[in-house]
Amino acid sequence: MSKILKFIAGIFIGIYHLIDKYIIVPISRLIYRINELIRNNSGRIEKVLNRPNVLIYVSLFCAIAVFLLVDTKSLSLLNDEAEVLTDQPVRVIYNEEAFVVEGVPKTVDITLIGRKSDLYLAKQLGEHEVVLDLSGYNTGTYKVKLKYNHNIETVNYKLDPSTLSIKISEKISGAKALTYDLLNEDKLDNKLSIKNITLDRNEVIIKGSAENLEKIAKVKALIDLKAANLTEKGTSTIDSIMLVAYANDGSILDNIEIVPAKISASITVDSYNAELPIRIVTEGTLTPGFALSSVNSSVQKVTVYGDEESIKALNYIEAKINVDGLSSNKVYNVTLTKPSGVKYMTENNITVDVKLESETSREISGISVKPINLGDKLKAAAASLEDQNITVIVKGAASALEKLEAKDIIATVDLSGYTTGTHDVEVKASTSDIRVTVIPKVSTIKVRIMPE
């Protein structure tokens, strides 16, 4: 109320200054000039004008007269203005238990039109409530108008939109299985992982029109791990988890009621880790005549954290170095790549010291050949004794070949796609020592495949 009184007082003070500047002062000057012209009768006029209260009475009379003219709109000192109120909520009145209403926007824009003073009062006093009253309406399609309730009669308004095409459908209900999605999983501490999640229910009730219920592909609980603030191992309960209904195309369906609207979940947080060795893997070919003498990593093992299932599937962490065309000793700076399922590693960067020697070679015989990737209900055997064991040529630094034995060499034939019969199959050989290159003396062997 004090703001309104100050505003009204400001209007009167402004009017007073306008009258004083544009009416009283010019009139006083006019009277002064007239007085100069009629000096013979100046005595009486001067006596009146010299009285202290005369000009005050004249100013007050003029101010009252101008105020009445303005208030009755006989005189307009201010033009009409417009002001837009954006995003005003729409309140819909209808039987929410029986019907579903579609086509009503959540907000509208209101344009107020009137004098500046009236607009000010309208913004201060008005509740700006936009209402759509559908009481008494039944199912069907209708064109309806929105109503805006305001308290200032001198202000006009326009709504955008003002007329709506709506559809009223019967509300039906059904049950839907409930699953979950994890939000902000990357915000969880890298050493922690989600081991188990149990929702407080497996299904929810969905309500809406028959048409909208048909569109529902799944209902999910959106579990925000950032808001849950999980900082250590253990089991926690998260409340007020929001539920969302999705259509087949992945979009969110708005006009669906889910009962209950929010649920709780029990979340078990683990910190699974394992210590894995680092395996150096070389890429490319050394300059002819050179071989790897030693390959030493600054770190031998690294502890990895993450999903238990993913980490259990890992046997080592690879560190790749490119030795293509290398002909002298070199130290590599290697950035380790996190395998899928690993969230954190105690080491991300290592150095690999590579030393070279002159290349030598020798033969190793009696290498047993093993079949791999054989089809179901089949068995395989070498077609002859010559095909059962092979001889290989091993190349590398003398220090690497010195202790190498037949048991250190693995020879295989890949039988993927082969069926019963005798086949010539390519043979491959390798060793776990990256300093050594293994070359079979024969490129293929004969393998007989038979039913089990």
Foldseek 3Di string as FASTA:
>chain_A
DVVLVVVVVVVLVVLLVVCVVPPLVVVVVVVVVVCVVPVVPNPVVCVQVVPPCNSVVVSVVVSVVVVVCCVVVVDPPFDKDKDKDWFAAEAEADDPQWKFKPWDDGGKMKIKIAGPSLVVCFVVQFPQYKYDYPYPPDFDKDKGFIDTDTDRPRIDMQIVVGITIMGMATKDKDKFFEEADEAPPVVAPLQKEWDDKFWPDGMWMKMHHPVVVVQFPHKYFYHYPVVVPDHDFDKDKDWFTAMFTAGPVGDTDDRMQIVPRITMMIIGMDRDKDKAFEAEDEDADEDPFKFWPDKDKPDGIKMWTFDPVVVVVDHHWYWYDYRHHPDAKDKDKTATDDDPGTRDIPDGIIIMTIGMDTKDKDKAWFQAEEEPPDDPQKDKDFPDPDQGIFMKMKMADCNVPVPDHSVQKYKYFYCHPPDADKDWTAIDMDGSDNRMDIGTPDGTGIMGMDGD
